[in-house]
Each structure stands twice: as C-alpha cells, then as structure tokens.
Amino acid sequence: MTRSQDVVDRWLEAFNAHDEGGMRSVYADDVIFEAPGEIRLEGTDATVEYALGWLRAFPDAEMRIESQLEADGWIVQRFVFEGTHEDTLAAPTGDIPATNRHMAGRGAQIIRVEDGKVAEDYLYFDQVQVLTQLGLMREPAGHR
C-alpha cells in the first residue's frame, strides 16, 4: 500500500519540475478538485490543466511546503507559490495578461489519497494577495 505522504511528495516533485505526466500519474481518474473562484473540476485532464495554466503563466514557478499534517489518508499543507508572471493566466473573471511581476503567495491545500492516488484536492489561496503582488489591485488599507 502506498503511503499518502509518498503520493503527495510525488505530486509536489512533478509540479515543481513542471512535469505534466508526473502530475497525471498521481491523480485518480475521477479526482475532484476545487479552487478559489467557485472552480470545481472533475477528472485528471481538467485538474492537471488547471495546474498547467499556472505553470505556463509562471514558467519559473515553485511551490514550497511550509508545514503539513497527515491523518487517515488526508494531508493538509500550508505552502508558498512563487514565480514570475510571464504569460497569460486564465482566471474565473477572465484572462490576466502577463505583468512580468514576481509573486510569492501563501496558500493551503487539503488532499485525500485513496488507493495510491489523489482522489480529492481542495486548494485555497489569498486572491487579494495574488492581485496586489501582480499590480492589479491596490494594497489593502493599513498594509505596509
């Protein structure tokens, strides 16, 4: 039996290597994926395409895990996604053209592993932080 941690480690390695095949290999065929902006996807193709959209927009992107918890097939990770916005990013509200700005955004994800594959992946990140770092939104009042 594959440990949940091993599956998630393989996913992170593939994501940071921008390895589409590696990412595909860890997702269940009927994976459920959710992200900010009311995004709910089902299936490997749609889930991997979401990740690839970010990797295309941030070709030097890397995700660093800051902390994590594991229990009964579930893994919760707190992370930093860092990269330079060099290509169009598809967003729920419309495409965001390249800003050529560097971003380091915090987020968390909750992942359920079943039968050696990621069966559910719930991604959370601070959309205001992303938009302000990309220069698309003013920093919140009192922030400095």
C-alpha atoms as a PDB file:
ATOM      1  CA  MET A   1       0.000   0.000   0.000  1.00  0.00           C
ATOM      2  CA  THR A   2       1.319   3.442  -0.955  1.00  0.00           C
ATOM      3  CA  ARG A   3       1.553   5.957   1.852  1.00  0.00           C
ATOM      4  CA  SER A   4      -0.431   9.145   1.343  1.00  0.00           C
ATOM      5  CA  GLN A   5       2.713  11.165   2.015  1.00  0.00           C
ATOM      6  CA  ASP A   6       4.583   9.383  -0.793  1.00  0.00           C
ATOM      7  CA  VAL A   7       1.809  10.215  -3.286  1.00  0.00           C
ATOM      8  CA  VAL A   8       1.726  13.878  -2.306  1.00  0.00           C
ATOM      9  CA  ASP A   9       5.540  14.069  -2.397  1.00  0.00           C
ATOM     10  CA  ARG A  10       5.483  12.695  -5.974  1.00  0.00           C
ATOM     11  CA  TRP A  11       2.867  15.295  -6.932  1.00  0.00           C
ATOM     12  CA  LEU A  12       4.949  18.158  -5.480  1.00  0.00           C
ATOM     13  CA  GLU A  13       8.077  16.914  -7.239  1.00  0.00           C
ATOM     14  CA  ALA A  14       6.196  16.726 -10.563  1.00  0.00           C
ATOM     15  CA  PHE A  15       4.612  20.160 -10.072  1.00  0.00           C
ATOM     16  CA  ASN A  16       7.958  21.807  -9.307  1.00  0.00           C
ATOM     17  CA  ALA A  17       9.530  20.047 -12.309  1.00  0.00           C
ATOM     18  CA  HIS A  18       6.592  21.225 -14.472  1.00  0.00           C
ATOM     19  CA  ASP A  19       6.132  17.549 -15.383  1.00  0.00           C
ATOM     20  CA  GLU A  20       2.655  17.025 -16.827  1.00  0.00           C
ATOM     21  CA  GLY A  21       2.991  13.245 -16.982  1.00  0.00           C
ATOM     22  CA  GLY A  22       4.205  13.096 -13.412  1.00  0.00           C
ATOM     23  CA  MET A  23       1.221  15.111 -12.213  1.00  0.00           C
ATOM     24  CA  ARG A  24      -1.170  12.925 -14.208  1.00  0.00           C
ATOM     25  CA  SER A  25       0.286   9.789 -12.649  1.00  0.00           C
ATOM     26  CA  VAL A  26      -0.765  10.734  -9.107  1.00  0.00           C
ATOM     27  CA  TYR A  27      -4.390  11.756  -9.767  1.00  0.00           C
ATOM     28  CA  ALA A  28      -7.287   9.317  -9.729  1.00  0.00           C
ATOM     29  CA  ASP A  29      -9.297   9.276 -12.963  1.00  0.00           C
ATOM     30  CA  ASP A  30     -12.292  10.736 -11.120  1.00  0.00           C
ATOM     31  CA  VAL A  31     -10.385  13.199  -8.912  1.00  0.00           C
ATOM     32  CA  ILE A  32     -12.364  16.131  -7.547  1.00  0.00           C
ATOM     33  CA  PHE A  33     -10.553  19.465  -7.484  1.00  0.00           C
ATOM     34  CA  GLU A  34     -11.752  22.784  -6.081  1.00  0.00           C
ATOM     35  CA  ALA A  35     -10.075  26.202  -6.079  1.00  0.00           C
ATOM     36  CA  PRO A  36     -10.969  29.851  -5.380  1.00  0.00           C
ATOM     37  CA  GLY A  37     -13.383  31.489  -7.783  1.00  0.00           C
ATOM     38  CA  GLU A  38     -16.004  28.741  -7.468  1.00  0.00           C
ATOM     39  CA  ILE A  39     -13.831  26.384  -9.510  1.00  0.00           C
ATOM     40  CA  ARG A  40     -14.893  22.751  -9.249  1.00  0.00           C
ATOM     41  CA  LEU A  41     -13.318  20.291 -11.644  1.00  0.00           C
ATOM     42  CA  GLU A  42     -13.643  16.544 -12.039  1.00  0.00           C
ATOM     43  CA  GLY A  43     -11.159  14.212 -13.681  1.00  0.00           C
ATOM     44  CA  THR A  44      -7.444  14.094 -14.276  1.00  0.00           C
ATOM     45  CA  ASP A  45      -7.428  16.123 -17.514  1.00  0.00           C
ATOM     46  CA  ALA A  46      -9.210  19.159 -16.058  1.00  0.00           C
ATOM     47  CA  THR A  47      -7.252  19.052 -12.808  1.00  0.00           C
ATOM     48  CA  VAL A  48      -3.855  18.827 -14.483  1.00  0.00           C
ATOM     49  CA  GLU A  49      -4.829  21.556 -16.960  1.00  0.00           C
ATOM     50  CA  TYR A  50      -5.595  23.887 -14.048  1.00  0.00           C
ATOM     51  CA  ALA A  51      -2.076  23.351 -12.650  1.00  0.00           C
ATOM     52  CA  LEU A  52      -0.517  23.708 -16.104  1.00  0.00           C
ATOM     53  CA  GLY A  53      -2.291  27.048 -16.571  1.00  0.00           C
ATOM     54  CA  TRP A  54      -0.438  28.405 -13.545  1.00  0.00           C
ATOM     55  CA  LEU A  55       2.852  26.832 -14.673  1.00  0.00           C
ATOM     56  CA  ARG A  56       2.547  28.349 -18.154  1.00  0.00           C
ATOM     57  CA  ALA A  57       1.797  31.776 -16.673  1.00  0.00           C
ATOM     58  CA  PHE A  58       4.655  31.457 -14.148  1.00  0.00           C
ATOM     59  CA  PRO A  59       7.344  29.463 -16.014  1.00  0.00           C
ATOM     60  CA  ASP A  60       9.773  29.680 -13.067  1.00  0.00           C
ATOM     61  CA  ALA A  61       7.100  28.697 -10.530  1.00  0.00           C
ATOM     62  CA  GLU A  62       7.893  26.627  -7.495  1.00  0.00           C
ATOM     63  CA  MET A  63       5.819  25.538  -4.539  1.00  0.00           C
ATOM     64  CA  ARG A  64       7.444  25.258  -1.114  1.00  0.00           C
ATOM     65  CA  ILE A  65       5.698  23.437   1.686  1.00  0.00           C
ATOM     66  CA  GLU A  66       5.904  25.422   4.926  1.00  0.00           C
ATOM     67  CA  SER A  67       4.087  22.913   7.147  1.00  0.00           C
ATOM     68  CA  GLN A  68       1.799  19.933   6.862  1.00  0.00           C
ATOM     69  CA  LEU A  69      -0.359  17.485   8.763  1.00  0.00           C
ATOM     70  CA  GLU A  70      -1.356  13.941   7.823  1.00  0.00           C
ATOM     71  CA  ALA A  71      -4.178  11.805   9.210  1.00  0.00           C
ATOM     72  CA  ASP A  72      -6.149   8.865   7.807  1.00  0.00           C
ATOM     73  CA  GLY A  73      -5.316   9.424   4.136  1.00  0.00           C
ATOM     74  CA  TRP A  74      -5.726  13.215   4.341  1.00  0.00           C
ATOM     75  CA  ILE A  75      -2.857  15.685   4.031  1.00  0.00           C
ATOM     76  CA  VAL A  76      -3.147  19.384   4.808  1.00  0.00           C
ATOM     77  CA  GLN A  77      -0.331  21.601   3.549  1.00  0.00           C
ATOM     78  CA  ARG A  78       0.478  25.264   4.050  1.00  0.00           C
ATOM     79  CA  PHE A  79       2.631  26.472   1.164  1.00  0.00           C
ATOM     80  CA  VAL A  80       4.191  29.365  -0.719  1.00  0.00           C
ATOM     81  CA  PHE A  81       3.772  29.509  -4.501  1.00  0.00           C
ATOM     82  CA  GLU A  82       6.490  31.671  -6.006  1.00  0.00           C
ATOM     83  CA  GLY A  83       7.254  32.719  -9.558  1.00  0.00           C
ATOM     84  CA  THR A  84       7.294  35.461 -12.182  1.00  0.00           C
ATOM     85  CA  HIS A  85       4.104  36.162 -14.150  1.00  0.00           C
ATOM     86  CA  GLU A  86       5.374  35.954 -17.752  1.00  0.00           C
ATOM     87  CA  ASP A  87       2.329  34.683 -19.673  1.00  0.00           C
ATOM     88  CA  THR A  88      -1.459  34.932 -19.605  1.00  0.00           C
ATOM     89  CA  LEU A  89      -3.170  33.414 -16.578  1.00  0.00           C
ATOM     90  CA  ALA A  90      -6.725  32.177 -17.051  1.00  0.00           C
ATOM     91  CA  ALA A  91      -8.829  33.334 -14.106  1.00  0.00           C
ATOM     92  CA  PRO A  92     -12.518  32.848 -13.285  1.00  0.00           C
ATOM     93  CA  THR A  93     -13.123  36.539 -14.073  1.00  0.00           C
ATOM     94  CA  GLY A  94     -11.144  36.473 -17.342  1.00  0.00           C
ATOM     95  CA  ASP A  95      -7.619  36.216 -18.634  1.00  0.00           C
ATOM     96  CA  ILE A  96      -4.858  38.143 -16.854  1.00  0.00           C
ATOM     97  CA  PRO A  97      -2.125  39.228 -19.296  1.00  0.00           C
ATOM     98  CA  ALA A  98       1.491  38.882 -18.166  1.00  0.00           C
ATOM     99  CA  THR A  99       2.546  41.531 -15.676  1.00  0.00           C
ATOM    100  CA  ASN A 100       6.195  40.410 -15.505  1.00  0.00           C
ATOM    101  CA  ARG A 101       5.976  40.781 -11.728  1.00  0.00           C
ATOM    102  CA  HIS A 102       7.362  38.355  -9.206  1.00  0.00           C
ATOM    103  CA  MET A 103       4.897  36.869  -6.763  1.00  0.00           C
ATOM    104  CA  ALA A 104       5.180  34.823  -3.572  1.00  0.00           C
ATOM    105  CA  GLY A 105       1.689  33.862  -2.472  1.00  0.00           C
ATOM    106  CA  ARG A 106       0.596  31.854   0.521  1.00  0.00           C
ATOM    107  CA  GLY A 107      -1.955  29.092   0.330  1.00  0.00           C
ATOM    108  CA  ALA A 108      -3.169  25.805   1.711  1.00  0.00           C
ATOM    109  CA  GLN A 109      -4.451  22.601   0.229  1.00  0.00           C
ATOM    110  CA  ILE A 110      -6.321  19.666   1.634  1.00  0.00           C
ATOM    111  CA  ILE A 111      -5.686  16.413  -0.218  1.00  0.00           C
ATOM    112  CA  ARG A 112      -7.281  12.990   0.203  1.00  0.00           C
ATOM    113  CA  VAL A 113      -5.380   9.978  -1.072  1.00  0.00           C
ATOM    114  CA  GLU A 114      -7.192   6.741  -1.812  1.00  0.00           C
ATOM    115  CA  ASP A 115      -5.746   3.574  -3.380  1.00  0.00           C
ATOM    116  CA  GLY A 116      -2.420   5.307  -4.024  1.00  0.00           C
ATOM    117  CA  LYS A 117      -3.923   8.240  -5.964  1.00  0.00           C
ATOM    118  CA  VAL A 118      -5.109  11.755  -5.148  1.00  0.00           C
ATOM    119  CA  ALA A 119      -8.900  11.431  -5.011  1.00  0.00           C
ATOM    120  CA  GLU A 120      -9.726  14.941  -3.765  1.00  0.00           C
ATOM    121  CA  ASP A 121      -7.746  18.188  -3.807  1.00  0.00           C
ATOM    122  CA  TYR A 122      -9.067  21.394  -2.254  1.00  0.00           C
ATOM    123  CA  LEU A 123      -6.882  24.435  -2.934  1.00  0.00           C
ATOM    124  CA  TYR A 124      -7.139  27.723  -1.027  1.00  0.00           C
ATOM    125  CA  PHE A 125      -5.102  30.881  -1.621  1.00  0.00           C
ATOM    126  CA  ASP A 126      -5.355  34.570  -0.906  1.00  0.00           C
ATOM    127  CA  GLN A 127      -6.710  36.078  -4.119  1.00  0.00           C
ATOM    128  CA  VAL A 128      -6.181  39.645  -2.870  1.00  0.00           C
ATOM    129  CA  GLN A 129      -2.518  38.859  -2.195  1.00  0.00           C
ATOM    130  CA  VAL A 130      -2.106  37.486  -5.727  1.00  0.00           C
ATOM    131  CA  LEU A 131      -3.786  40.503  -7.344  1.00  0.00           C
ATOM    132  CA  THR A 132      -1.838  43.068  -5.305  1.00  0.00           C
ATOM    133  CA  GLN A 133       1.504  41.378  -5.955  1.00  0.00           C
ATOM    134  CA  LEU A 134       0.737  41.325  -9.673  1.00  0.00           C
ATOM    135  CA  GLY A 135      -0.076  45.049  -9.527  1.00  0.00           C
ATOM    136  CA  LEU A 136      -3.716  44.531 -10.473  1.00  0.00           C
ATOM    137  CA  MET A 137      -5.191  45.733  -7.212  1.00  0.00           C
ATOM    138  CA  ARG A 138      -4.153  48.315  -4.645  1.00  0.00           C
ATOM    139  CA  GLU A 139      -2.805  47.006  -1.370  1.00  0.00           C
ATOM    140  CA  PRO A 140      -5.431  46.878   1.375  1.00  0.00           C
ATOM    141  CA  ALA A 141      -5.572  49.933   3.642  1.00  0.00           C
ATOM    142  CA  GLY A 142      -3.173  49.736   6.550  1.00  0.00           C
ATOM    143  CA  HIS A 143      -0.934  47.212   4.792  1.00  0.00           C
ATOM    144  CA  ARG A 144       2.729  48.086   4.598  1.00  0.00           C
END
